[in-house]
Amino acid sequence: MALALNVFKTITVVAPTSPVGIYTAPVGYTGVILLAQASNVDTVSHDVTLSHERSTAGVAVTTRLTKSYPISANDSASLLTGKLVLQSNDVLVLSASSASNIEVVVSVLETLN
């Protein structure tokens, strides 16, 4: 069976307090993050951190895209100002200061290498 040339995906997750991989670019594909939006559904401010992680020679190299970015009560924020390209096995990692109040949606285009 032939692999699809382009696959669009939407990932929705409630941000945990410990860093967790929410998307991994599959082998043979490049993942293009088109949008990463976070909403604070609480009545107080909370922080969110979004990172890119790549394993190089068996060592995870983490680059923070946002670090402890504050989102006001009942507000939302874009976590990326443009598109982000993830090579095969790259991981998008998310965490927040609250375990149940930051809701995140990520829009991804996976394109065949």
PDB file of N, CA and C in Angstrom:
ATOM      1  N   MET A   1       0.837  -1.179   0.000  1.00  0.00           N
ATOM      2  CA  MET A   1       0.000   0.000   0.000  1.00  0.00           C
ATOM      3  C   MET A   1       0.886   1.247   0.000  1.00  0.00           C
ATOM      4  N   ALA A   2       0.595   2.178  -0.865  1.00  0.00           N
ATOM      5  CA  ALA A   2       1.379   3.409  -0.979  1.00  0.00           C
ATOM      6  C   ALA A   2       1.068   4.356   0.173  1.00  0.00           C
ATOM      7  N   LEU A   3       2.082   5.086   0.608  1.00  0.00           N
ATOM      8  CA  LEU A   3       1.899   6.073   1.673  1.00  0.00           C
ATOM      9  C   LEU A   3       1.284   7.342   1.105  1.00  0.00           C
ATOM     10  N   ALA A   4       0.474   8.007   1.904  1.00  0.00           N
ATOM     11  CA  ALA A   4      -0.144   9.259   1.489  1.00  0.00           C
ATOM     12  C   ALA A   4       0.920  10.343   1.358  1.00  0.00           C
ATOM     13  N   LEU A   5       0.793  11.181   0.349  1.00  0.00           N
ATOM     14  CA  LEU A   5       1.750  12.264   0.125  1.00  0.00           C
ATOM     15  C   LEU A   5       1.654  13.325   1.222  1.00  0.00           C
ATOM     16  N   ASN A   6       0.433  13.748   1.539  1.00  0.00           N
ATOM     17  CA  ASN A   6       0.194  14.759   2.571  1.00  0.00           C
ATOM     18  C   ASN A   6      -0.912  14.289   3.501  1.00  0.00           C
ATOM     19  N   VAL A   7      -0.700  14.460   4.795  1.00  0.00           N
ATOM     20  CA  VAL A   7      -1.688  14.089   5.797  1.00  0.00           C
ATOM     21  C   VAL A   7      -1.835  15.262   6.759  1.00  0.00           C
ATOM     22  N   PHE A   8      -3.069  15.760   6.934  1.00  0.00           N
ATOM     23  CA  PHE A   8      -3.337  16.820   7.900  1.00  0.00           C
ATOM     24  C   PHE A   8      -3.819  16.196   9.197  1.00  0.00           C
ATOM     25  N   LYS A   9      -3.328  16.702  10.326  1.00  0.00           N
ATOM     26  CA  LYS A   9      -3.730  16.199  11.637  1.00  0.00           C
ATOM     27  C   LYS A   9      -3.998  17.366  12.572  1.00  0.00           C
ATOM     28  N   THR A  10      -4.943  17.143  13.476  1.00  0.00           N
ATOM     29  CA  THR A  10      -5.215  18.095  14.550  1.00  0.00           C
ATOM     30  C   THR A  10      -5.011  17.365  15.861  1.00  0.00           C
ATOM     31  N   ILE A  11      -4.185  17.943  16.722  1.00  0.00           N
ATOM     32  CA  ILE A  11      -3.896  17.356  18.022  1.00  0.00           C
ATOM     33  C   ILE A  11      -4.498  18.279  19.065  1.00  0.00           C
ATOM     34  N   THR A  12      -5.288  17.707  19.971  1.00  0.00           N
ATOM     35  CA  THR A  12      -5.831  18.482  21.079  1.00  0.00           C
ATOM     36  C   THR A  12      -5.414  17.805  22.366  1.00  0.00           C
ATOM     37  N   VAL A  13      -4.990  18.612  23.335  1.00  0.00           N
ATOM     38  CA  VAL A  13      -4.488  18.063  24.593  1.00  0.00           C
ATOM     39  C   VAL A  13      -4.645  19.091  25.703  1.00  0.00           C
ATOM     40  N   VAL A  14      -4.874  18.600  26.913  1.00  0.00           N
ATOM     41  CA  VAL A  14      -4.809  19.451  28.095  1.00  0.00           C
ATOM     42  C   VAL A  14      -3.369  19.359  28.592  1.00  0.00           C
ATOM     43  N   ALA A  15      -2.717  20.502  28.707  1.00  0.00           N
ATOM     44  CA  ALA A  15      -1.289  20.531  29.047  1.00  0.00           C
ATOM     45  C   ALA A  15      -1.045  19.968  30.448  1.00  0.00           C
ATOM     46  N   PRO A  16      -0.099  19.039  30.573  1.00  0.00           N
ATOM     47  CA  PRO A  16       0.274  18.498  31.882  1.00  0.00           C
ATOM     48  C   PRO A  16       1.311  19.394  32.555  1.00  0.00           C
ATOM     49  N   THR A  17       1.581  19.149  33.835  1.00  0.00           N
ATOM     50  CA  THR A  17       2.591  19.954  34.533  1.00  0.00           C
ATOM     51  C   THR A  17       4.007  19.476  34.252  1.00  0.00           C
ATOM     52  N   SER A  18       4.171  18.217  33.878  1.00  0.00           N
ATOM     53  CA  SER A  18       5.487  17.696  33.499  1.00  0.00           C
ATOM     54  C   SER A  18       5.590  17.674  31.979  1.00  0.00           C
ATOM     55  N   PRO A  19       6.763  17.961  31.422  1.00  0.00           N
ATOM     56  CA  PRO A  19       6.918  17.958  29.965  1.00  0.00           C
ATOM     57  C   PRO A  19       6.557  16.606  29.354  1.00  0.00           C
ATOM     58  N   VAL A  20       5.688  16.652  28.338  1.00  0.00           N
ATOM     59  CA  VAL A  20       5.222  15.449  27.650  1.00  0.00           C
ATOM     60  C   VAL A  20       5.250  15.701  26.153  1.00  0.00           C
ATOM     61  N   GLY A  21       5.715  14.710  25.397  1.00  0.00           N
ATOM     62  CA  GLY A  21       5.676  14.801  23.944  1.00  0.00           C
ATOM     63  C   GLY A  21       4.246  14.687  23.460  1.00  0.00           C
ATOM     64  N   ILE A  22       3.768  15.684  22.730  1.00  0.00           N
ATOM     65  CA  ILE A  22       2.394  15.646  22.230  1.00  0.00           C
ATOM     66  C   ILE A  22       2.327  15.301  20.746  1.00  0.00           C
ATOM     67  N   TYR A  23       3.471  15.396  20.055  1.00  0.00           N
ATOM     68  CA  TYR A  23       3.511  15.012  18.643  1.00  0.00           C
ATOM     69  C   TYR A  23       4.938  14.606  18.290  1.00  0.00           C
ATOM     70  N   THR A  24       5.044  13.498  17.559  1.00  0.00           N
ATOM     71  CA  THR A  24       6.328  13.036  17.038  1.00  0.00           C
ATOM     72  C   THR A  24       6.188  12.875  15.533  1.00  0.00           C
ATOM     73  N   ALA A  25       7.082  13.498  14.779  1.00  0.00           N
ATOM     74  CA  ALA A  25       7.047  13.361  13.324  1.00  0.00           C
ATOM     75  C   ALA A  25       7.376  11.914  12.955  1.00  0.00           C
ATOM     76  N   PRO A  26       6.493  11.262  12.192  1.00  0.00           N
ATOM     77  CA  PRO A  26       6.718   9.853  11.865  1.00  0.00           C
ATOM     78  C   PRO A  26       7.906   9.646  10.918  1.00  0.00           C
ATOM     79  N   VAL A  27       8.464   8.457  10.970  1.00  0.00           N
ATOM     80  CA  VAL A  27       9.560   8.089  10.072  1.00  0.00           C
ATOM     81  C   VAL A  27       9.064   8.199   8.630  1.00  0.00           C
ATOM     82  N   GLY A  28       9.860   8.833   7.785  1.00  0.00           N
ATOM     83  CA  GLY A  28       9.514   8.992   6.379  1.00  0.00           C
ATOM     84  C   GLY A  28       8.714  10.244   6.079  1.00  0.00           C
ATOM     85  N   TYR A  29       8.340  10.976   7.116  1.00  0.00           N
ATOM     86  CA  TYR A  29       7.551  12.197   6.940  1.00  0.00           C
ATOM     87  C   TYR A  29       8.242  13.378   7.618  1.00  0.00           C
ATOM     88  N   THR A  30       7.948  14.565   7.126  1.00  0.00           N
ATOM     89  CA  THR A  30       8.304  15.804   7.782  1.00  0.00           C
ATOM     90  C   THR A  30       7.008  16.379   8.323  1.00  0.00           C
ATOM     91  N   GLY A  31       7.008  16.768   9.589  1.00  0.00           N
ATOM     92  CA  GLY A  31       5.819  17.377  10.180  1.00  0.00           C
ATOM     93  C   GLY A  31       5.964  18.888  10.177  1.00  0.00           C
ATOM     94  N   VAL A  32       5.012  19.556   9.549  1.00  0.00           N
ATOM     95  CA  VAL A  32       5.016  21.015   9.521  1.00  0.00           C
ATOM     96  C   VAL A  32       3.929  21.488  10.487  1.00  0.00           C
ATOM     97  N   ILE A  33       4.339  22.120  11.571  1.00  0.00           N
ATOM     98  CA  ILE A  33       3.392  22.638  12.544  1.00  0.00           C
ATOM     99  C   ILE A  33       2.858  23.960  11.988  1.00  0.00           C
ATOM    100  N   LEU A  34       1.584  23.962  11.669  1.00  0.00           N
ATOM    101  CA  LEU A  34       0.967  25.137  11.067  1.00  0.00           C
ATOM    102  C   LEU A  34       0.443  26.105  12.120  1.00  0.00           C
ATOM    103  N   LEU A  35       0.012  25.550  13.271  1.00  0.00           N
ATOM    104  CA  LEU A  35      -0.581  26.364  14.316  1.00  0.00           C
ATOM    105  C   LEU A  35      -0.403  25.656  15.648  1.00  0.00           C
ATOM    106  N   ALA A  36      -0.154  26.420  16.694  1.00  0.00           N
ATOM    107  CA  ALA A  36      -0.142  25.899  18.061  1.00  0.00           C
ATOM    108  C   ALA A  36      -0.788  26.970  18.929  1.00  0.00           C
ATOM    109  N   GLN A  37      -1.985  26.682  19.388  1.00  0.00           N
ATOM    110  CA  GLN A  37      -2.789  27.651  20.136  1.00  0.00           C
ATOM    111  C   GLN A  37      -3.094  27.098  21.515  1.00  0.00           C
ATOM    112  N   ALA A  38      -2.926  27.922  22.556  1.00  0.00           N
ATOM    113  CA  ALA A  38      -3.220  27.513  23.930  1.00  0.00           C
ATOM    114  C   ALA A  38      -4.294  28.421  24.508  1.00  0.00           C
ATOM    115  N   SER A  39      -5.227  27.816  25.236  1.00  0.00           N
ATOM    116  CA  SER A  39      -6.298  28.566  25.885  1.00  0.00           C
ATOM    117  C   SER A  39      -6.265  28.295  27.381  1.00  0.00           C
ATOM    118  N   ASN A  40      -6.350  29.350  28.154  1.00  0.00           N
ATOM    119  CA  ASN A  40      -6.431  29.233  29.607  1.00  0.00           C
ATOM    120  C   ASN A  40      -7.916  29.277  29.974  1.00  0.00           C
ATOM    121  N   VAL A  41      -8.454  28.174  30.474  1.00  0.00           N
ATOM    122  CA  VAL A  41      -9.878  28.097  30.793  1.00  0.00           C
ATOM    123  C   VAL A  41     -10.143  28.353  32.278  1.00  0.00           C
ATOM    124  N   ASP A  42      -9.150  28.872  32.981  1.00  0.00           N
ATOM    125  CA  ASP A  42      -9.266  29.145  34.412  1.00  0.00           C
ATOM    126  C   ASP A  42      -9.488  30.641  34.649  1.00  0.00           C
ATOM    127  N   THR A  43      -9.766  31.000  35.895  1.00  0.00           N
ATOM    128  CA  THR A  43      -9.999  32.396  36.262  1.00  0.00           C
ATOM    129  C   THR A  43      -8.742  33.084  36.787  1.00  0.00           C
ATOM    130  N   VAL A  44      -7.592  32.380  36.732  1.00  0.00           N
ATOM    131  CA  VAL A  44      -6.304  32.969  37.101  1.00  0.00           C
ATOM    132  C   VAL A  44      -5.292  32.663  35.993  1.00  0.00           C
ATOM    133  N   SER A  45      -4.214  33.413  35.951  1.00  0.00           N
ATOM    134  CA  SER A  45      -3.177  33.241  34.937  1.00  0.00           C
ATOM    135  C   SER A  45      -2.389  31.944  35.150  1.00  0.00           C
ATOM    136  N   HIS A  46      -1.969  31.331  34.042  1.00  0.00           N
ATOM    137  CA  HIS A  46      -1.109  30.149  34.084  1.00  0.00           C
ATOM    138  C   HIS A  46      -0.047  30.277  32.994  1.00  0.00           C
ATOM    139  N   ASP A  47       1.066  29.561  33.180  1.00  0.00           N
ATOM    140  CA  ASP A  47       2.175  29.595  32.231  1.00  0.00           C
ATOM    141  C   ASP A  47       2.211  28.317  31.404  1.00  0.00           C
ATOM    142  N   VAL A  48       2.744  28.435  30.180  1.00  0.00           N
ATOM    143  CA  VAL A  48       2.888  27.276  29.305  1.00  0.00           C
ATOM    144  C   VAL A  48       4.282  27.291  28.672  1.00  0.00           C
ATOM    145  N   THR A  49       4.838  26.098  28.492  1.00  0.00           N
ATOM    146  CA  THR A  49       6.139  25.946  27.843  1.00  0.00           C
ATOM    147  C   THR A  49       5.988  24.971  26.692  1.00  0.00           C
ATOM    148  N   LEU A  50       6.487  25.354  25.524  1.00  0.00           N
ATOM    149  CA  LEU A  50       6.468  24.502  24.335  1.00  0.00           C
ATOM    150  C   LEU A  50       7.901  24.369  23.837  1.00  0.00           C
ATOM    151  N   SER A  51       8.324  23.126  23.564  1.00  0.00           N
ATOM    152  CA  SER A  51       9.712  22.884  23.148  1.00  0.00           C
ATOM    153  C   SER A  51       9.776  21.951  21.951  1.00  0.00           C
ATOM    154  N   HIS A  52      10.891  22.048  21.256  1.00  0.00           N
ATOM    155  CA  HIS A  52      11.241  21.137  20.164  1.00  0.00           C
ATOM    156  C   HIS A  52      12.346  20.233  20.687  1.00  0.00           C
ATOM    157  N   GLU A  53      12.214  18.934  20.481  1.00  0.00           N
ATOM    158  CA  GLU A  53      13.234  18.002  20.957  1.00  0.00           C
ATOM    159  C   GLU A  53      13.699  17.112  19.805  1.00  0.00           C
ATOM    160  N   ARG A  54      15.023  17.010  19.669  1.00  0.00           N
ATOM    161  CA  ARG A  54      15.624  16.162  18.632  1.00  0.00           C
ATOM    162  C   ARG A  54      16.725  15.342  19.283  1.00  0.00           C
ATOM    163  N   SER A  55      16.756  14.067  18.953  1.00  0.00           N
ATOM    164  CA  SER A  55      17.801  13.191  19.463  1.00  0.00           C
ATOM    165  C   SER A  55      18.982  13.235  18.504  1.00  0.00           C
ATOM    166  N   THR A  56      20.142  13.642  19.012  1.00  0.00           N
ATOM    167  CA  THR A  56      21.360  13.717  18.216  1.00  0.00           C
ATOM    168  C   THR A  56      22.396  12.820  18.861  1.00  0.00           C
ATOM    169  N   ALA A  57      22.805  11.791  18.144  1.00  0.00           N
ATOM    170  CA  ALA A  57      23.775  10.813  18.653  1.00  0.00           C
ATOM    171  C   ALA A  57      23.313  10.230  19.988  1.00  0.00           C
ATOM    172  N   GLY A  58      22.009   9.988  20.095  1.00  0.00           N
ATOM    173  CA  GLY A  58      21.460   9.381  21.298  1.00  0.00           C
ATOM    174  C   GLY A  58      21.216  10.336  22.456  1.00  0.00           C
ATOM    175  N   VAL A  59      21.472  11.620  22.234  1.00  0.00           N
ATOM    176  CA  VAL A  59      21.276  12.626  23.284  1.00  0.00           C
ATOM    177  C   VAL A  59      20.128  13.550  22.869  1.00  0.00           C
ATOM    178  N   ALA A  60      19.142  13.708  23.746  1.00  0.00           N
ATOM    179  CA  ALA A  60      18.013  14.593  23.452  1.00  0.00           C
ATOM    180  C   ALA A  60      18.446  16.053  23.582  1.00  0.00           C
ATOM    181  N   VAL A  61      18.262  16.806  22.510  1.00  0.00           N
ATOM    182  CA  VAL A  61      18.569  18.235  22.507  1.00  0.00           C
ATOM    183  C   VAL A  61      17.236  18.972  22.483  1.00  0.00           C
ATOM    184  N   THR A  62      16.982  19.761  23.532  1.00  0.00           N
ATOM    185  CA  THR A  62      15.711  20.468  23.667  1.00  0.00           C
ATOM    186  C   THR A  62      15.907  21.957  23.411  1.00  0.00           C
ATOM    187  N   THR A  63      15.043  22.507  22.562  1.00  0.00           N
ATOM    188  CA  THR A  63      15.043  23.937  22.284  1.00  0.00           C
ATOM    189  C   THR A  63      13.665  24.475  22.656  1.00  0.00           C
ATOM    190  N   ARG A  64      13.617  25.390  23.596  1.00  0.00           N
ATOM    191  CA  ARG A  64      12.338  25.956  24.022  1.00  0.00           C
ATOM    192  C   ARG A  64      11.857  26.982  23.006  1.00  0.00           C
ATOM    193  N   LEU A  65      10.604  26.843  22.621  1.00  0.00           N
ATOM    194  CA  LEU A  65       9.976  27.809  21.715  1.00  0.00           C
ATOM    195  C   LEU A  65       9.279  28.897  22.522  1.00  0.00           C
ATOM    196  N   THR A  66       8.667  28.489  23.628  1.00  0.00           N
ATOM    197  CA  THR A  66       8.150  29.414  24.635  1.00  0.00           C
ATOM    198  C   THR A  66       8.528  28.824  25.978  1.00  0.00           C
ATOM    199  N   LYS A  67       8.899  29.668  26.920  1.00  0.00           N
ATOM    200  CA  LYS A  67       9.254  29.171  28.255  1.00  0.00           C
ATOM    201  C   LYS A  67       8.468  29.956  29.296  1.00  0.00           C
ATOM    202  N   SER A  68       7.650  29.242  30.046  1.00  0.00           N
ATOM    203  CA  SER A  68       6.824  29.852  31.096  1.00  0.00           C
ATOM    204  C   SER A  68       6.077  31.072  30.564  1.00  0.00           C
ATOM    205  N   TYR A  69       5.481  30.898  29.391  1.00  0.00           N
ATOM    206  CA  TYR A  69       4.742  31.981  28.742  1.00  0.00           C
ATOM    207  C   TYR A  69       3.408  32.175  29.449  1.00  0.00           C
ATOM    208  N   PRO A  70       3.163  33.362  30.017  1.00  0.00           N
ATOM    209  CA  PRO A  70       1.927  33.560  30.783  1.00  0.00           C
ATOM    210  C   PRO A  70       0.714  33.768  29.871  1.00  0.00           C
ATOM    211  N   ILE A  71      -0.365  33.086  30.227  1.00  0.00           N
ATOM    212  CA  ILE A  71      -1.633  33.288  29.535  1.00  0.00           C
ATOM    213  C   ILE A  71      -2.634  33.748  30.593  1.00  0.00           C
ATOM    214  N   SER A  72      -3.191  34.910  30.381  1.00  0.00           N
ATOM    215  CA  SER A  72      -4.127  35.486  31.340  1.00  0.00           C
ATOM    216  C   SER A  72      -5.377  34.628  31.477  1.00  0.00           C
ATOM    217  N   ALA A  73      -6.095  34.861  32.553  1.00  0.00           N
ATOM    218  CA  ALA A  73      -7.339  34.137  32.802  1.00  0.00           C
ATOM    219  C   ALA A  73      -8.302  34.284  31.626  1.00  0.00           C
ATOM    220  N   ASN A  74      -8.923  33.176  31.245  1.00  0.00           N
ATOM    221  CA  ASN A  74      -9.932  33.169  30.176  1.00  0.00           C
ATOM    222  C   ASN A  74      -9.426  33.811  28.882  1.00  0.00           C
ATOM    223  N   ASP A  75      -8.169  33.567  28.561  1.00  0.00           N
ATOM    224  CA  ASP A  75      -7.568  34.139  27.360  1.00  0.00           C
ATOM    225  C   ASP A  75      -6.849  33.035  26.591  1.00  0.00           C
ATOM    226  N   SER A  76      -6.346  33.371  25.422  1.00  0.00           N
ATOM    227  CA  SER A  76      -5.605  32.392  24.621  1.00  0.00           C
ATOM    228  C   SER A  76      -4.377  33.057  24.025  1.00  0.00           C
ATOM    229  N   ALA A  77      -3.460  32.219  23.533  1.00  0.00           N
ATOM    230  CA  ALA A  77      -2.231  32.739  22.937  1.00  0.00           C
ATOM    231  C   ALA A  77      -1.746  31.781  21.863  1.00  0.00           C
ATOM    232  N   SER A  78      -1.145  32.354  20.835  1.00  0.00           N
ATOM    233  CA  SER A  78      -0.485  31.555  19.820  1.00  0.00           C
ATOM    234  C   SER A  78       0.913  31.236  20.332  1.00  0.00           C
ATOM    235  N   LEU A  79       1.286  29.962  20.308  1.00  0.00           N
ATOM    236  CA  LEU A  79       2.587  29.544  20.830  1.00  0.00           C
ATOM    237  C   LEU A  79       3.685  29.594  19.771  1.00  0.00           C
ATOM    238  N   LEU A  80       3.304  29.777  18.510  1.00  0.00           N
ATOM    239  CA  LEU A  80       4.264  29.915  17.409  1.00  0.00           C
ATOM    240  C   LEU A  80       3.924  31.157  16.602  1.00  0.00           C
ATOM    241  N   THR A  81       4.934  31.856  16.120  1.00  0.00           N
ATOM    242  CA  THR A  81       4.677  33.024  15.288  1.00  0.00           C
ATOM    243  C   THR A  81       4.737  32.689  13.800  1.00  0.00           C
ATOM    244  N   GLY A  82       5.170  31.487  13.490  1.00  0.00           N
ATOM    245  CA  GLY A  82       5.238  31.031  12.105  1.00  0.00           C
ATOM    246  C   GLY A  82       5.147  29.521  12.081  1.00  0.00           C
ATOM    247  N   LYS A  83       5.536  28.931  10.989  1.00  0.00           N
ATOM    248  CA  LYS A  83       5.505  27.472  10.875  1.00  0.00           C
ATOM    249  C   LYS A  83       6.785  26.881  11.462  1.00  0.00           C
ATOM    250  N   LEU A  84       6.679  25.633  11.921  1.00  0.00           N
ATOM    251  CA  LEU A  84       7.825  24.928  12.484  1.00  0.00           C
ATOM    252  C   LEU A  84       7.942  23.589  11.776  1.00  0.00           C
ATOM    253  N   VAL A  85       9.129  23.259  11.278  1.00  0.00           N
ATOM    254  CA  VAL A  85       9.360  22.002  10.579  1.00  0.00           C
ATOM    255  C   VAL A  85      10.001  21.009  11.533  1.00  0.00           C
ATOM    256  N   LEU A  86       9.391  19.828  11.653  1.00  0.00           N
ATOM    257  CA  LEU A  86       9.940  18.749  12.463  1.00  0.00           C
ATOM    258  C   LEU A  86      10.359  17.619  11.533  1.00  0.00           C
ATOM    259  N   GLN A  87      11.620  17.243  11.618  1.00  0.00           N
ATOM    260  CA  GLN A  87      12.117  16.114  10.840  1.00  0.00           C
ATOM    261  C   GLN A  87      11.644  14.823  11.502  1.00  0.00           C
ATOM    262  N   SER A  88      11.772  13.718  10.784  1.00  0.00           N
ATOM    263  CA  SER A  88      11.369  12.421  11.326  1.00  0.00           C
ATOM    264  C   SER A  88      11.935  12.222  12.722  1.00  0.00           C
ATOM    265  N   ASN A  89      11.091  11.798  13.647  1.00  0.00           N
ATOM    266  CA  ASN A  89      11.403  11.517  15.052  1.00  0.00           C
ATOM    267  C   ASN A  89      11.598  12.755  15.923  1.00  0.00           C
ATOM    268  N   ASP A  90      11.502  13.956  15.385  1.00  0.00           N
ATOM    269  CA  ASP A  90      11.498  15.153  16.226  1.00  0.00           C
ATOM    270  C   ASP A  90      10.202  15.162  17.031  1.00  0.00           C
ATOM    271  N   VAL A  91      10.260  15.751  18.231  1.00  0.00           N
ATOM    272  CA  VAL A  91       9.110  15.735  19.139  1.00  0.00           C
ATOM    273  C   VAL A  91       8.741  17.154  19.554  1.00  0.00           C
ATOM    274  N   LEU A  92       7.439  17.437  19.615  1.00  0.00           N
ATOM    275  CA  LEU A  92       6.911  18.670  20.163  1.00  0.00           C
ATOM    276  C   LEU A  92       6.522  18.369  21.611  1.00  0.00           C
ATOM    277  N   VAL A  93       7.115  19.106  22.553  1.00  0.00           N
ATOM    278  CA  VAL A  93       6.952  18.822  23.990  1.00  0.00           C
ATOM    279  C   VAL A  93       6.223  19.992  24.653  1.00  0.00           C
ATOM    280  N   LEU A  94       5.276  19.657  25.537  1.00  0.00           N
ATOM    281  CA  LEU A  94       4.416  20.657  26.169  1.00  0.00           C
ATOM    282  C   LEU A  94       4.356  20.466  27.677  1.00  0.00           C
ATOM    283  N   SER A  95       4.275  21.580  28.407  1.00  0.00           N
ATOM    284  CA  SER A  95       3.992  21.538  29.846  1.00  0.00           C
ATOM    285  C   SER A  95       3.360  22.871  30.241  1.00  0.00           C
ATOM    286  N   ALA A  96       2.734  22.882  31.423  1.00  0.00           N
ATOM    287  CA  ALA A  96       2.079  24.093  31.910  1.00  0.00           C
ATOM    288  C   ALA A  96       2.176  24.142  33.431  1.00  0.00           C
ATOM    289  N   SER A  97       1.846  25.296  33.986  1.00  0.00           N
ATOM    290  CA  SER A  97       1.900  25.457  35.439  1.00  0.00           C
ATOM    291  C   SER A  97       0.661  24.891  36.131  1.00  0.00           C
ATOM    292  N   SER A  98      -0.339  24.512  35.363  1.00  0.00           N
ATOM    293  CA  SER A  98      -1.563  23.928  35.907  1.00  0.00           C
ATOM    294  C   SER A  98      -1.884  22.657  35.139  1.00  0.00           C
ATOM    295  N   ALA A  99      -2.330  21.633  35.859  1.00  0.00           N
ATOM    296  CA  ALA A  99      -2.548  20.328  35.224  1.00  0.00           C
ATOM    297  C   ALA A  99      -3.865  20.218  34.467  1.00  0.00           C
ATOM    298  N   SER A 100      -4.757  21.178  34.610  1.00  0.00           N
ATOM    299  CA  SER A 100      -6.058  20.975  33.970  1.00  0.00           C
ATOM    300  C   SER A 100      -6.665  22.226  33.346  1.00  0.00           C
ATOM    301  N   ASN A 101      -5.895  23.285  33.226  1.00  0.00           N
ATOM    302  CA  ASN A 101      -6.497  24.545  32.782  1.00  0.00           C
ATOM    303  C   ASN A 101      -5.965  25.110  31.472  1.00  0.00           C
ATOM    304  N   ILE A 102      -4.931  24.522  30.910  1.00  0.00           N
ATOM    305  CA  ILE A 102      -4.407  24.994  29.626  1.00  0.00           C
ATOM    306  C   ILE A 102      -4.749  23.956  28.558  1.00  0.00           C
ATOM    307  N   GLU A 103      -5.622  24.349  27.639  1.00  0.00           N
ATOM    308  CA  GLU A 103      -6.029  23.475  26.540  1.00  0.00           C
ATOM    309  C   GLU A 103      -5.294  23.917  25.285  1.00  0.00           C
ATOM    310  N   VAL A 104      -4.704  22.937  24.571  1.00  0.00           N
ATOM    311  CA  VAL A 104      -3.853  23.245  23.420  1.00  0.00           C
ATOM    312  C   VAL A 104      -4.366  22.519  22.186  1.00  0.00           C
ATOM    313  N   VAL A 105      -4.344  23.224  21.069  1.00  0.00           N
ATOM    314  CA  VAL A 105      -4.650  22.607  19.773  1.00  0.00           C
ATOM    315  C   VAL A 105      -3.460  22.875  18.849  1.00  0.00           C
ATOM    316  N   VAL A 106      -3.028  21.826  18.165  1.00  0.00           N
ATOM    317  CA  VAL A 106      -1.904  21.913  17.230  1.00  0.00           C
ATOM    318  C   VAL A 106      -2.365  21.384  15.891  1.00  0.00           C
ATOM    319  N   SER A 107      -2.089  22.125  14.842  1.00  0.00           N
ATOM    320  CA  SER A 107      -2.444  21.734  13.488  1.00  0.00           C
ATOM    321  C   SER A 107      -1.165  21.351  12.750  1.00  0.00           C
ATOM    322  N   VAL A 108      -1.139  20.132  12.180  1.00  0.00           N
ATOM    323  CA  VAL A 108       0.076  19.584  11.582  1.00  0.00           C
ATOM    324  C   VAL A 108      -0.187  19.131  10.148  1.00  0.00           C
ATOM    325  N   LEU A 109       0.759  19.411   9.272  1.00  0.00           N
ATOM    326  CA  LEU A 109       0.778  18.841   7.930  1.00  0.00           C
ATOM    327  C   LEU A 109       1.961  17.888   7.873  1.00  0.00           C
ATOM    328  N   GLU A 110       1.693  16.601   7.692  1.00  0.00           N
ATOM    329  CA  GLU A 110       2.750  15.634   7.495  1.00  0.00           C
ATOM    330  C   GLU A 110       2.925  15.423   6.001  1.00  0.00           C
ATOM    331  N   THR A 111       4.153  15.627   5.540  1.00  0.00           N
ATOM    332  CA  THR A 111       4.417  15.482   4.110  1.00  0.00           C
ATOM    333  C   THR A 111       5.499  14.423   3.909  1.00  0.00           C
ATOM    334  N   LEU A 112       5.272  13.577   2.939  1.00  0.00           N
ATOM    335  CA  LEU A 112       6.164  12.450   2.661  1.00  0.00           C
ATOM    336  C   LEU A 112       7.535  12.949   2.236  1.00  0.00           C
ATOM    337  N   ASN A 113       8.585  12.374   2.812  1.00  0.00           N
ATOM    338  CA  ASN A 113       9.967  12.765   2.447  1.00  0.00           C
ATOM    339  C   ASN A 113      10.322  12.212   1.084  1.00  0.00           C
TER     340      ASN A 113
END
